[in-house]
Amino acid sequence: MEDCIFCKIVNKQIPSEIVYEDSEITAFHDVSPKAPTHILLIPKKHIASTEFINDSNYDITGKLIFRASEMLKNLNLKATGLS
């Protein structure tokens, strides 16, 4: 998407502090953090919202959750706000 800020970050059109990247996921520090460590994980394939998750892209949601959990452990952090 042309005006999607996340697509621009994935395509390196907007600079970001990337902390993890693979062929399907990019993770980076939020520019307006709401916590001491605030990292966003996004799919590289544009998905406008959860409304658009379907059979062709639902597997990425599991990968995002797995990577988020892995990052929490590697950074010795605990998930907050997820109750």
PDB file of N, CA and C in Angstrom:
ATOM      1  N   MET A   1       0.840  -1.186   0.000  1.00  0.00           N
ATOM      2  CA  MET A   1       0.000   0.000   0.000  1.00  0.00           C
ATOM      3  C   MET A   1       0.879   1.242   0.000  1.00  0.00           C
ATOM      4  N   GLU A   2       0.521   2.186  -0.793  1.00  0.00           N
ATOM      5  CA  GLU A   2       1.334   3.374  -0.962  1.00  0.00           C
ATOM      6  C   GLU A   2       1.456   4.220   0.294  1.00  0.00           C
ATOM      7  N   ASP A   3       0.364   4.427   1.028  1.00  0.00           N
ATOM      8  CA  ASP A   3       0.421   5.309   2.186  1.00  0.00           C
ATOM      9  C   ASP A   3       0.446   4.566   3.510  1.00  0.00           C
ATOM     10  N   CYS A   4       0.752   3.293   3.491  1.00  0.00           N
ATOM     11  CA  CYS A   4       0.829   2.529   4.735  1.00  0.00           C
ATOM     12  C   CYS A   4       2.202   2.744   5.378  1.00  0.00           C
ATOM     13  N   ILE A   5       2.201   3.314   6.571  1.00  0.00           N
ATOM     14  CA  ILE A   5       3.465   3.609   7.249  1.00  0.00           C
ATOM     15  C   ILE A   5       4.267   2.337   7.506  1.00  0.00           C
ATOM     16  N   PHE A   6       3.580   1.228   7.797  1.00  0.00           N
ATOM     17  CA  PHE A   6       4.285  -0.025   8.071  1.00  0.00           C
ATOM     18  C   PHE A   6       4.930  -0.593   6.809  1.00  0.00           C
ATOM     19  N   CYS A   7       4.258  -0.477   5.676  1.00  0.00           N
ATOM     20  CA  CYS A   7       4.854  -0.916   4.409  1.00  0.00           C
ATOM     21  C   CYS A   7       6.086  -0.070   4.092  1.00  0.00           C
ATOM     22  N   LYS A   8       6.028   1.220   4.392  1.00  0.00           N
ATOM     23  CA  LYS A   8       7.179   2.094   4.157  1.00  0.00           C
ATOM     24  C   LYS A   8       8.353   1.708   5.054  1.00  0.00           C
ATOM     25  N   ILE A   9       8.073   1.294   6.278  1.00  0.00           N
ATOM     26  CA  ILE A   9       9.138   0.830   7.175  1.00  0.00           C
ATOM     27  C   ILE A   9       9.730  -0.469   6.639  1.00  0.00           C
ATOM     28  N   VAL A  10       8.885  -1.411   6.238  1.00  0.00           N
ATOM     29  CA  VAL A  10       9.351  -2.685   5.669  1.00  0.00           C
ATOM     30  C   VAL A  10      10.210  -2.436   4.438  1.00  0.00           C
ATOM     31  N   ASN A  11       9.816  -1.488   3.601  1.00  0.00           N
ATOM     32  CA  ASN A  11      10.539  -1.184   2.359  1.00  0.00           C
ATOM     33  C   ASN A  11      11.695  -0.210   2.548  1.00  0.00           C
ATOM     34  N   LYS A  12      11.984   0.126   3.813  1.00  0.00           N
ATOM     35  CA  LYS A  12      13.113   1.004   4.167  1.00  0.00           C
ATOM     36  C   LYS A  12      12.965   2.428   3.618  1.00  0.00           C
ATOM     37  N   GLN A  13      11.715   2.846   3.381  1.00  0.00           N
ATOM     38  CA  GLN A  13      11.456   4.212   2.952  1.00  0.00           C
ATOM     39  C   GLN A  13      11.381   5.153   4.150  1.00  0.00           C
ATOM     40  N   ILE A  14      11.112   4.596   5.307  1.00  0.00           N
ATOM     41  CA  ILE A  14      11.095   5.340   6.567  1.00  0.00           C
ATOM     42  C   ILE A  14      12.108   4.653   7.467  1.00  0.00           C
ATOM     43  N   PRO A  15      13.057   5.419   8.017  1.00  0.00           N
ATOM     44  CA  PRO A  15      14.057   4.796   8.891  1.00  0.00           C
ATOM     45  C   PRO A  15      13.427   4.306  10.191  1.00  0.00           C
ATOM     46  N   SER A  16      13.959   3.192  10.680  1.00  0.00           N
ATOM     47  CA  SER A  16      13.493   2.657  11.952  1.00  0.00           C
ATOM     48  C   SER A  16      14.630   1.881  12.594  1.00  0.00           C
ATOM     49  N   GLU A  17      14.499   1.670  13.894  1.00  0.00           N
ATOM     50  CA  GLU A  17      15.497   0.906  14.633  1.00  0.00           C
ATOM     51  C   GLU A  17      15.038  -0.556  14.660  1.00  0.00           C
ATOM     52  N   ILE A  18      15.427  -1.292  13.628  1.00  0.00           N
ATOM     53  CA  ILE A  18      15.007  -2.683  13.470  1.00  0.00           C
ATOM     54  C   ILE A  18      15.773  -3.563  14.452  1.00  0.00           C
ATOM     55  N   VAL A  19      15.027  -4.403  15.177  1.00  0.00           N
ATOM     56  CA  VAL A  19      15.640  -5.312  16.146  1.00  0.00           C
ATOM     57  C   VAL A  19      15.538  -6.768  15.715  1.00  0.00           C
ATOM     58  N   TYR A  20      14.686  -7.049  14.720  1.00  0.00           N
ATOM     59  CA  TYR A  20      14.566  -8.400  14.184  1.00  0.00           C
ATOM     60  C   TYR A  20      13.975  -8.296  12.786  1.00  0.00           C
ATOM     61  N   GLU A  21      14.481  -9.149  11.900  1.00  0.00           N
ATOM     62  CA  GLU A  21      13.922  -9.180  10.554  1.00  0.00           C
ATOM     63  C   GLU A  21      14.213 -10.540   9.935  1.00  0.00           C
ATOM     64  N   ASP A  22      13.194 -11.095   9.267  1.00  0.00           N
ATOM     65  CA  ASP A  22      13.391 -12.296   8.468  1.00  0.00           C
ATOM     66  C   ASP A  22      12.587 -12.102   7.181  1.00  0.00           C
ATOM     67  N   SER A  23      12.359 -13.146   6.448  1.00  0.00           N
ATOM     68  CA  SER A  23      11.685 -13.006   5.151  1.00  0.00           C
ATOM     69  C   SER A  23      10.212 -12.610   5.266  1.00  0.00           C
ATOM     70  N   GLU A  24       9.611 -12.774   6.465  1.00  0.00           N
ATOM     71  CA  GLU A  24       8.182 -12.497   6.619  1.00  0.00           C
ATOM     72  C   GLU A  24       7.837 -11.450   7.671  1.00  0.00           C
ATOM     73  N   ILE A  25       8.786 -11.138   8.557  1.00  0.00           N
ATOM     74  CA  ILE A  25       8.497 -10.284   9.718  1.00  0.00           C
ATOM     75  C   ILE A  25       9.561  -9.217   9.885  1.00  0.00           C
ATOM     76  N   THR A  26       9.145  -8.038  10.307  1.00  0.00           N
ATOM     77  CA  THR A  26      10.051  -6.973  10.727  1.00  0.00           C
ATOM     78  C   THR A  26       9.622  -6.540  12.131  1.00  0.00           C
ATOM     79  N   ALA A  27      10.594  -6.379  13.014  1.00  0.00           N
ATOM     80  CA  ALA A  27      10.332  -5.892  14.376  1.00  0.00           C
ATOM     81  C   ALA A  27      11.208  -4.671  14.606  1.00  0.00           C
ATOM     82  N   PHE A  28      10.622  -3.632  15.189  1.00  0.00           N
ATOM     83  CA  PHE A  28      11.363  -2.382  15.377  1.00  0.00           C
ATOM     84  C   PHE A  28      10.836  -1.638  16.599  1.00  0.00           C
ATOM     85  N   HIS A  29      11.664  -0.745  17.124  1.00  0.00           N
ATOM     86  CA  HIS A  29      11.270   0.072  18.271  1.00  0.00           C
ATOM     87  C   HIS A  29      10.246   1.120  17.839  1.00  0.00           C
ATOM     88  N   ASP A  30       9.215   1.292  18.665  1.00  0.00           N
ATOM     89  CA  ASP A  30       8.193   2.307  18.422  1.00  0.00           C
ATOM     90  C   ASP A  30       8.825   3.687  18.589  1.00  0.00           C
ATOM     91  N   VAL A  31       8.503   4.620  17.691  1.00  0.00           N
ATOM     92  CA  VAL A  31       9.053   5.974  17.795  1.00  0.00           C
ATOM     93  C   VAL A  31       8.399   6.771  18.920  1.00  0.00           C
ATOM     94  N   SER A  32       7.219   6.337  19.369  1.00  0.00           N
ATOM     95  CA  SER A  32       6.527   6.969  20.502  1.00  0.00           C
ATOM     96  C   SER A  32       6.214   5.896  21.531  1.00  0.00           C
ATOM     97  N   PRO A  33       7.236   5.386  22.194  1.00  0.00           N
ATOM     98  CA  PRO A  33       7.018   4.251  23.101  1.00  0.00           C
ATOM     99  C   PRO A  33       6.104   4.585  24.274  1.00  0.00           C
ATOM    100  N   LYS A  34       5.309   3.597  24.653  1.00  0.00           N
ATOM    101  CA  LYS A  34       4.419   3.713  25.812  1.00  0.00           C
ATOM    102  C   LYS A  34       4.955   2.899  26.994  1.00  0.00           C
ATOM    103  N   ALA A  35       6.126   2.317  26.815  1.00  0.00           N
ATOM    104  CA  ALA A  35       6.788   1.520  27.853  1.00  0.00           C
ATOM    105  C   ALA A  35       8.294   1.651  27.638  1.00  0.00           C
ATOM    106  N   PRO A  36       9.105   1.309  28.634  1.00  0.00           N
ATOM    107  CA  PRO A  36      10.563   1.404  28.461  1.00  0.00           C
ATOM    108  C   PRO A  36      11.067   0.610  27.246  1.00  0.00           C
ATOM    109  N   THR A  37      10.481  -0.545  26.996  1.00  0.00           N
ATOM    110  CA  THR A  37      10.777  -1.300  25.780  1.00  0.00           C
ATOM    111  C   THR A  37       9.457  -1.490  25.048  1.00  0.00           C
ATOM    112  N   HIS A  38       9.356  -0.911  23.850  1.00  0.00           N
ATOM    113  CA  HIS A  38       8.120  -0.972  23.070  1.00  0.00           C
ATOM    114  C   HIS A  38       8.504  -1.325  21.640  1.00  0.00           C
ATOM    115  N   ILE A  39       8.363  -2.593  21.311  1.00  0.00           N
ATOM    116  CA  ILE A  39       8.748  -3.104  19.997  1.00  0.00           C
ATOM    117  C   ILE A  39       7.504  -3.537  19.241  1.00  0.00           C
ATOM    118  N   LEU A  40       7.424  -3.144  17.990  1.00  0.00           N
ATOM    119  CA  LEU A  40       6.317  -3.526  17.123  1.00  0.00           C
ATOM    120  C   LEU A  40       6.782  -4.640  16.189  1.00  0.00           C
ATOM    121  N   LEU A  41       5.988  -5.681  16.045  1.00  0.00           N
ATOM    122  CA  LEU A  41       6.251  -6.762  15.098  1.00  0.00           C
ATOM    123  C   LEU A  41       5.176  -6.693  14.030  1.00  0.00           C
ATOM    124  N   ILE A  42       5.598  -6.655  12.777  1.00  0.00           N
ATOM    125  CA  ILE A  42       4.630  -6.552  11.683  1.00  0.00           C
ATOM    126  C   ILE A  42       4.975  -7.553  10.582  1.00  0.00           C
ATOM    127  N   PRO A  43       3.955  -8.008   9.863  1.00  0.00           N
ATOM    128  CA  PRO A  43       4.244  -8.859   8.710  1.00  0.00           C
ATOM    129  C   PRO A  43       4.754  -8.002   7.563  1.00  0.00           C
ATOM    130  N   LYS A  44       5.639  -8.560   6.752  1.00  0.00           N
ATOM    131  CA  LYS A  44       6.120  -7.815   5.589  1.00  0.00           C
ATOM    132  C   LYS A  44       5.049  -7.717   4.506  1.00  0.00           C
ATOM    133  N   LYS A  45       4.173  -8.718   4.457  1.00  0.00           N
ATOM    134  CA  LYS A  45       3.057  -8.676   3.517  1.00  0.00           C
ATOM    135  C   LYS A  45       1.977  -7.786   4.122  1.00  0.00           C
ATOM    136  N   HIS A  46       1.501  -6.834   3.354  1.00  0.00           N
ATOM    137  CA  HIS A  46       0.495  -5.896   3.853  1.00  0.00           C
ATOM    138  C   HIS A  46      -0.805  -6.623   4.191  1.00  0.00           C
ATOM    139  N   ILE A  47      -1.231  -6.473   5.437  1.00  0.00           N
ATOM    140  CA  ILE A  47      -2.549  -6.930   5.885  1.00  0.00           C
ATOM    141  C   ILE A  47      -3.155  -5.739   6.619  1.00  0.00           C
ATOM    142  N   ALA A  48      -4.179  -5.157   6.062  1.00  0.00           N
ATOM    143  CA  ALA A  48      -4.725  -3.898   6.574  1.00  0.00           C
ATOM    144  C   ALA A  48      -5.216  -3.987   8.011  1.00  0.00           C
ATOM    145  N   SER A  49      -5.818  -5.112   8.393  1.00  0.00           N
ATOM    146  CA  SER A  49      -6.300  -5.305   9.754  1.00  0.00           C
ATOM    147  C   SER A  49      -6.621  -6.787   9.934  1.00  0.00           C
ATOM    148  N   THR A  50      -6.978  -7.163  11.154  1.00  0.00           N
ATOM    149  CA  THR A  50      -7.327  -8.565  11.394  1.00  0.00           C
ATOM    150  C   THR A  50      -8.539  -8.989  10.581  1.00  0.00           C
ATOM    151  N   GLU A  51      -9.331  -8.051  10.151  1.00  0.00           N
ATOM    152  CA  GLU A  51     -10.486  -8.345   9.295  1.00  0.00           C
ATOM    153  C   GLU A  51     -10.057  -9.038   7.999  1.00  0.00           C
ATOM    154  N   PHE A  52      -8.813  -8.799   7.581  1.00  0.00           N
ATOM    155  CA  PHE A  52      -8.328  -9.324   6.310  1.00  0.00           C
ATOM    156  C   PHE A  52      -7.450 -10.569   6.455  1.00  0.00           C
ATOM    157  N   ILE A  53      -7.415 -11.162   7.642  1.00  0.00           N
ATOM    158  CA  ILE A  53      -6.706 -12.428   7.806  1.00  0.00           C
ATOM    159  C   ILE A  53      -7.618 -13.528   7.271  1.00  0.00           C
ATOM    160  N   ASN A  54      -7.061 -14.336   6.371  1.00  0.00           N
ATOM    161  CA  ASN A  54      -7.848 -15.401   5.754  1.00  0.00           C
ATOM    162  C   ASN A  54      -6.965 -16.624   5.531  1.00  0.00           C
ATOM    163  N   ASP A  55      -7.454 -17.600   4.810  1.00  0.00           N
ATOM    164  CA  ASP A  55      -6.704 -18.836   4.587  1.00  0.00           C
ATOM    165  C   ASP A  55      -5.350 -18.606   3.929  1.00  0.00           C
ATOM    166  N   SER A  56      -5.217 -17.556   3.133  1.00  0.00           N
ATOM    167  CA  SER A  56      -3.960 -17.333   2.425  1.00  0.00           C
ATOM    168  C   SER A  56      -2.885 -16.672   3.294  1.00  0.00           C
ATOM    169  N   ASN A  57      -3.262 -16.108   4.450  1.00  0.00           N
ATOM    170  CA  ASN A  57      -2.267 -15.396   5.261  1.00  0.00           C
ATOM    171  C   ASN A  57      -2.389 -15.632   6.768  1.00  0.00           C
ATOM    172  N   TYR A  58      -3.261 -16.527   7.190  1.00  0.00           N
ATOM    173  CA  TYR A  58      -3.471 -16.687   8.633  1.00  0.00           C
ATOM    174  C   TYR A  58      -2.248 -17.242   9.358  1.00  0.00           C
ATOM    175  N   ASP A  59      -1.384 -17.968   8.661  1.00  0.00           N
ATOM    176  CA  ASP A  59      -0.211 -18.560   9.318  1.00  0.00           C
ATOM    177  C   ASP A  59       0.750 -17.509   9.861  1.00  0.00           C
ATOM    178  N   ILE A  60       0.766 -16.327   9.280  1.00  0.00           N
ATOM    179  CA  ILE A  60       1.689 -15.282   9.747  1.00  0.00           C
ATOM    180  C   ILE A  60       1.337 -14.824  11.160  1.00  0.00           C
ATOM    181  N   THR A  61       0.062 -14.917  11.551  1.00  0.00           N
ATOM    182  CA  THR A  61      -0.316 -14.501  12.906  1.00  0.00           C
ATOM    183  C   THR A  61       0.366 -15.366  13.955  1.00  0.00           C
ATOM    184  N   GLY A  62       0.424 -16.658  13.716  1.00  0.00           N
ATOM    185  CA  GLY A  62       1.123 -17.557  14.633  1.00  0.00           C
ATOM    186  C   GLY A  62       2.609 -17.256  14.690  1.00  0.00           C
ATOM    187  N   LYS A  63       3.189 -16.951  13.539  1.00  0.00           N
ATOM    188  CA  LYS A  63       4.622 -16.623  13.492  1.00  0.00           C
ATOM    189  C   LYS A  63       4.908 -15.323  14.253  1.00  0.00           C
ATOM    190  N   LEU A  64       4.019 -14.349  14.129  1.00  0.00           N
ATOM    191  CA  LEU A  64       4.198 -13.086  14.847  1.00  0.00           C
ATOM    192  C   LEU A  64       4.156 -13.311  16.360  1.00  0.00           C
ATOM    193  N   ILE A  65       3.202 -14.106  16.813  1.00  0.00           N
ATOM    194  CA  ILE A  65       3.080 -14.383  18.246  1.00  0.00           C
ATOM    195  C   ILE A  65       4.294 -15.159  18.743  1.00  0.00           C
ATOM    196  N   PHE A  66       4.743 -16.142  17.959  1.00  0.00           N
ATOM    197  CA  PHE A  66       5.913 -16.920  18.342  1.00  0.00           C
ATOM    198  C   PHE A  66       7.151 -16.027  18.462  1.00  0.00           C
ATOM    199  N   ARG A  67       7.387 -15.164  17.465  1.00  0.00           N
ATOM    200  CA  ARG A  67       8.554 -14.261  17.506  1.00  0.00           C
ATOM    201  C   ARG A  67       8.455 -13.276  18.661  1.00  0.00           C
ATOM    202  N   ALA A  68       7.263 -12.781  18.943  1.00  0.00           N
ATOM    203  CA  ALA A  68       7.085 -11.858  20.069  1.00  0.00           C
ATOM    204  C   ALA A  68       7.452 -12.553  21.375  1.00  0.00           C
ATOM    205  N   SER A  69       6.988 -13.772  21.544  1.00  0.00           N
ATOM    206  CA  SER A  69       7.314 -14.535  22.749  1.00  0.00           C
ATOM    207  C   SER A  69       8.814 -14.785  22.844  1.00  0.00           C
ATOM    208  N   GLU A  70       9.424 -15.133  21.728  1.00  0.00           N
ATOM    209  CA  GLU A  70      10.871 -15.359  21.681  1.00  0.00           C
ATOM    210  C   GLU A  70      11.640 -14.089  22.058  1.00  0.00           C
ATOM    211  N   MET A  71      11.198 -12.943  21.545  1.00  0.00           N
ATOM    212  CA  MET A  71      11.865 -11.673  21.845  1.00  0.00           C
ATOM    213  C   MET A  71      11.730 -11.318  23.318  1.00  0.00           C
ATOM    214  N   LEU A  72      10.551 -11.546  23.906  1.00  0.00           N
ATOM    215  CA  LEU A  72      10.355 -11.284  25.331  1.00  0.00           C
ATOM    216  C   LEU A  72      11.371 -12.070  26.162  1.00  0.00           C
ATOM    217  N   LYS A  73      11.517 -13.348  25.835  1.00  0.00           N
ATOM    218  CA  LYS A  73      12.451 -14.195  26.565  1.00  0.00           C
ATOM    219  C   LYS A  73      13.886 -13.724  26.372  1.00  0.00           C
ATOM    220  N   ASN A  74      14.260 -13.420  25.142  1.00  0.00           N
ATOM    221  CA  ASN A  74      15.637 -12.986  24.855  1.00  0.00           C
ATOM    222  C   ASN A  74      15.984 -11.657  25.507  1.00  0.00           C
ATOM    223  N   LEU A  75      14.996 -10.801  25.687  1.00  0.00           N
ATOM    224  CA  LEU A  75      15.221  -9.489  26.316  1.00  0.00           C
ATOM    225  C   LEU A  75      14.931  -9.509  27.807  1.00  0.00           C
ATOM    226  N   ASN A  76      14.605 -10.692  28.338  1.00  0.00           N
ATOM    227  CA  ASN A  76      14.259 -10.834  29.750  1.00  0.00           C
ATOM    228  C   ASN A  76      13.122  -9.897  30.169  1.00  0.00           C
ATOM    229  N   LEU A  77      12.098  -9.832  29.339  1.00  0.00           N
ATOM    230  CA  LEU A  77      10.940  -8.991  29.602  1.00  0.00           C
ATOM    231  C   LEU A  77       9.725  -9.856  29.884  1.00  0.00           C
ATOM    232  N   LYS A  78       8.713  -9.234  30.472  1.00  0.00           N
ATOM    233  CA  LYS A  78       7.438  -9.910  30.691  1.00  0.00           C
ATOM    234  C   LYS A  78       6.381  -9.144  29.911  1.00  0.00           C
ATOM    235  N   ALA A  79       5.449  -9.867  29.343  1.00  0.00           N
ATOM    236  CA  ALA A  79       4.341  -9.238  28.619  1.00  0.00           C
ATOM    237  C   ALA A  79       3.467  -8.501  29.614  1.00  0.00           C
ATOM    238  N   THR A  80       3.063  -7.296  29.269  1.00  0.00           N
ATOM    239  CA  THR A  80       2.140  -6.520  30.096  1.00  0.00           C
ATOM    240  C   THR A  80       0.963  -6.089  29.256  1.00  0.00           C
ATOM    241  N   GLY A  81      -0.146  -5.885  29.911  1.00  0.00           N
ATOM    242  CA  GLY A  81      -1.337  -5.423  29.194  1.00  0.00           C
ATOM    243  C   GLY A  81      -1.984  -6.506  28.362  1.00  0.00           C
ATOM    244  N   LEU A  82      -1.657  -7.762  28.624  1.00  0.00           N
ATOM    245  CA  LEU A  82      -2.210  -8.853  27.842  1.00  0.00           C
ATOM    246  C   LEU A  82      -3.102  -9.755  28.665  1.00  0.00           C
ATOM    247  N   SER A  83      -3.728  -9.240  29.685  1.00  0.00           N
ATOM    248  CA  SER A  83      -4.573 -10.090  30.537  1.00  0.00           C
ATOM    249  C   SER A  83      -5.947 -10.265  29.966  1.00  0.00           C
TER     250      SER A  83
END
